[in-house]
Amino acid sequence: MYGNTLSEYSYPYVHCLISCSSGTYIRSIAHDIGERLGTGALLAELRRTAIGPFDVREAHTVAAIRADTWKEKCVPFEKLRMAVISALFPDY
């Protein structure tokens, strides 16, 4: 984990943004926080906002992708291919 930002607190909920590498168990982090507080904790919601070069801010809803414009909204194959290679072989 290399980043953690508390974005909202409204008892009993805490909203935070965690930046981490793949393989980080976010549910375990929530559990550990609850143990340290002596209260217990659980994850009510988990949302992945980015992975590699892909970010949810660049995503399109199904409704926004009309049949006549879907091709211009697609990720170029080369960008996708390189993202997969980078994820599988970080030293490549």
C-alpha atoms as a PDB file:
ATOM      1  CA  MET A   1       0.000   0.000   0.000  1.00  0.00           C
ATOM      2  CA  TYR A   2       1.555   3.304  -1.033  1.00  0.00           C
ATOM      3  CA  GLY A   3      -1.293   5.758  -0.519  1.00  0.00           C
ATOM      4  CA  ASN A   4      -4.263   6.144   1.795  1.00  0.00           C
ATOM      5  CA  THR A   5      -6.628   9.111   1.903  1.00  0.00           C
ATOM      6  CA  LEU A   6      -9.578   9.504   4.264  1.00  0.00           C
ATOM      7  CA  SER A   7     -12.225  11.104   2.059  1.00  0.00           C
ATOM      8  CA  GLU A   8     -15.305  10.999   4.286  1.00  0.00           C
ATOM      9  CA  TYR A   9     -16.346   9.994   7.790  1.00  0.00           C
ATOM     10  CA  SER A  10     -19.949   9.663   8.891  1.00  0.00           C
ATOM     11  CA  TYR A  11     -20.342   7.275  11.810  1.00  0.00           C
ATOM     12  CA  PRO A  12     -20.221   4.325  11.444  1.00  0.00           C
ATOM     13  CA  TYR A  13     -18.831   4.646   7.895  1.00  0.00           C
ATOM     14  CA  VAL A  14     -15.342   5.625   6.809  1.00  0.00           C
ATOM     15  CA  HIS A  15     -14.672   6.258   3.116  1.00  0.00           C
ATOM     16  CA  CYS A  16     -11.088   6.140   1.976  1.00  0.00           C
ATOM     17  CA  LEU A  17      -9.056   5.873  -1.194  1.00  0.00           C
ATOM     18  CA  ILE A  18      -6.236   3.343  -1.081  1.00  0.00           C
ATOM     19  CA  SER A  19      -3.506   3.174  -3.721  1.00  0.00           C
ATOM     20  CA  CYS A  20      -1.914  -0.253  -3.767  1.00  0.00           C
ATOM     21  CA  SER A  21      -0.252  -2.843  -5.934  1.00  0.00           C
ATOM     22  CA  SER A  22      -2.087  -5.840  -7.293  1.00  0.00           C
ATOM     23  CA  GLY A  23      -2.334  -8.617  -4.752  1.00  0.00           C
ATOM     24  CA  THR A  24      -3.165  -6.289  -1.853  1.00  0.00           C
ATOM     25  CA  TYR A  25      -6.103  -7.652   0.118  1.00  0.00           C
ATOM     26  CA  ILE A  26      -8.206  -4.578   0.862  1.00  0.00           C
ATOM     27  CA  ARG A  27     -10.699  -6.605   2.907  1.00  0.00           C
ATOM     28  CA  SER A  28      -7.835  -7.667   5.177  1.00  0.00           C
ATOM     29  CA  ILE A  29      -6.813  -4.034   5.625  1.00  0.00           C
ATOM     30  CA  ALA A  30     -10.366  -3.180   6.762  1.00  0.00           C
ATOM     31  CA  HIS A  31     -10.237  -6.100   9.201  1.00  0.00           C
ATOM     32  CA  ASP A  32      -6.840  -4.987  10.551  1.00  0.00           C
ATOM     33  CA  ILE A  33      -8.090  -1.423  11.085  1.00  0.00           C
ATOM     34  CA  GLY A  34     -11.046  -2.748  13.069  1.00  0.00           C
ATOM     35  CA  GLU A  35      -8.756  -4.906  15.206  1.00  0.00           C
ATOM     36  CA  ARG A  36      -6.464  -1.974  15.976  1.00  0.00           C
ATOM     37  CA  LEU A  37      -9.446   0.162  16.947  1.00  0.00           C
ATOM     38  CA  GLY A  38     -10.800  -2.668  19.076  1.00  0.00           C
ATOM     39  CA  THR A  39     -14.206  -2.425  17.422  1.00  0.00           C
ATOM     40  CA  GLY A  40     -14.184  -4.724  14.418  1.00  0.00           C
ATOM     41  CA  ALA A  41     -14.716  -3.542  10.854  1.00  0.00           C
ATOM     42  CA  LEU A  42     -15.982  -4.791   7.543  1.00  0.00           C
ATOM     43  CA  LEU A  43     -16.044  -3.663   3.959  1.00  0.00           C
ATOM     44  CA  ALA A  44     -19.454  -2.359   2.883  1.00  0.00           C
ATOM     45  CA  GLU A  45     -18.269  -1.485  -0.626  1.00  0.00           C
ATOM     46  CA  LEU A  46     -15.146  -2.029  -2.704  1.00  0.00           C
ATOM     47  CA  ARG A  47     -14.574  -0.301  -6.023  1.00  0.00           C
ATOM     48  CA  ARG A  48     -11.513  -0.619  -8.240  1.00  0.00           C
ATOM     49  CA  THR A  49     -10.971   2.799  -9.812  1.00  0.00           C
ATOM     50  CA  ALA A  50      -7.840   2.052 -11.820  1.00  0.00           C
ATOM     51  CA  ILE A  51      -5.615  -0.777 -12.939  1.00  0.00           C
ATOM     52  CA  GLY A  52      -2.446  -0.150 -14.899  1.00  0.00           C
ATOM     53  CA  PRO A  53      -3.071   2.590 -17.473  1.00  0.00           C
ATOM     54  CA  PHE A  54      -6.870   2.198 -17.263  1.00  0.00           C
ATOM     55  CA  ASP A  55      -8.897   4.527 -15.061  1.00  0.00           C
ATOM     56  CA  VAL A  56     -12.618   4.484 -14.346  1.00  0.00           C
ATOM     57  CA  ARG A  57     -12.746   8.209 -15.188  1.00  0.00           C
ATOM     58  CA  GLU A  58     -12.152   7.208 -18.814  1.00  0.00           C
ATOM     59  CA  ALA A  59     -14.870   4.537 -18.785  1.00  0.00           C
ATOM     60  CA  HIS A  60     -18.139   4.799 -20.676  1.00  0.00           C
ATOM     61  CA  THR A  61     -21.525   3.570 -19.542  1.00  0.00           C
ATOM     62  CA  VAL A  62     -23.319   1.061 -21.715  1.00  0.00           C
ATOM     63  CA  ALA A  63     -26.009   3.664 -22.394  1.00  0.00           C
ATOM     64  CA  ALA A  64     -23.393   6.146 -23.615  1.00  0.00           C
ATOM     65  CA  ILE A  65     -22.035   3.747 -26.215  1.00  0.00           C
ATOM     66  CA  ARG A  66     -24.457   3.901 -29.103  1.00  0.00           C
ATOM     67  CA  ALA A  67     -24.199   1.375 -31.929  1.00  0.00           C
ATOM     68  CA  ASP A  68     -22.963   3.999 -34.401  1.00  0.00           C
ATOM     69  CA  THR A  69     -20.148   5.355 -32.187  1.00  0.00           C
ATOM     70  CA  TRP A  70     -18.819   2.334 -30.282  1.00  0.00           C
ATOM     71  CA  LYS A  71     -15.675   1.978 -32.422  1.00  0.00           C
ATOM     72  CA  GLU A  72     -14.401   5.469 -31.588  1.00  0.00           C
ATOM     73  CA  LYS A  73     -14.756   4.732 -27.855  1.00  0.00           C
ATOM     74  CA  CYS A  74     -12.700   1.504 -27.934  1.00  0.00           C
ATOM     75  CA  VAL A  75      -9.203   1.259 -26.499  1.00  0.00           C
ATOM     76  CA  PRO A  76      -6.667   0.681 -29.278  1.00  0.00           C
ATOM     77  CA  PHE A  77      -5.479  -2.931 -29.303  1.00  0.00           C
ATOM     78  CA  GLU A  78      -1.806  -1.965 -28.954  1.00  0.00           C
ATOM     79  CA  LYS A  79      -2.499  -0.015 -25.738  1.00  0.00           C
ATOM     80  CA  LEU A  80      -4.466  -2.940 -24.332  1.00  0.00           C
ATOM     81  CA  ARG A  81      -1.808  -5.462 -25.370  1.00  0.00           C
ATOM     82  CA  MET A  82       0.987  -3.483 -23.724  1.00  0.00           C
ATOM     83  CA  ALA A  83      -1.066  -3.053 -20.528  1.00  0.00           C
ATOM     84  CA  VAL A  84      -1.586  -6.812 -20.295  1.00  0.00           C
ATOM     85  CA  ILE A  85       2.109  -7.501 -20.929  1.00  0.00           C
ATOM     86  CA  SER A  86       3.110  -4.921 -18.291  1.00  0.00           C
ATOM     87  CA  ALA A  87       0.731  -6.438 -15.744  1.00  0.00           C
ATOM     88  CA  LEU A  88       1.948  -9.992 -16.352  1.00  0.00           C
ATOM     89  CA  PHE A  89       5.646  -9.164 -16.784  1.00  0.00           C
ATOM     90  CA  PRO A  90       6.500  -6.001 -14.789  1.00  0.00           C
ATOM     91  CA  ASP A  91      10.199  -6.211 -15.734  1.00  0.00           C
ATOM     92  CA  TYR A  92       9.454  -6.471 -19.494  1.00  0.00           C
END
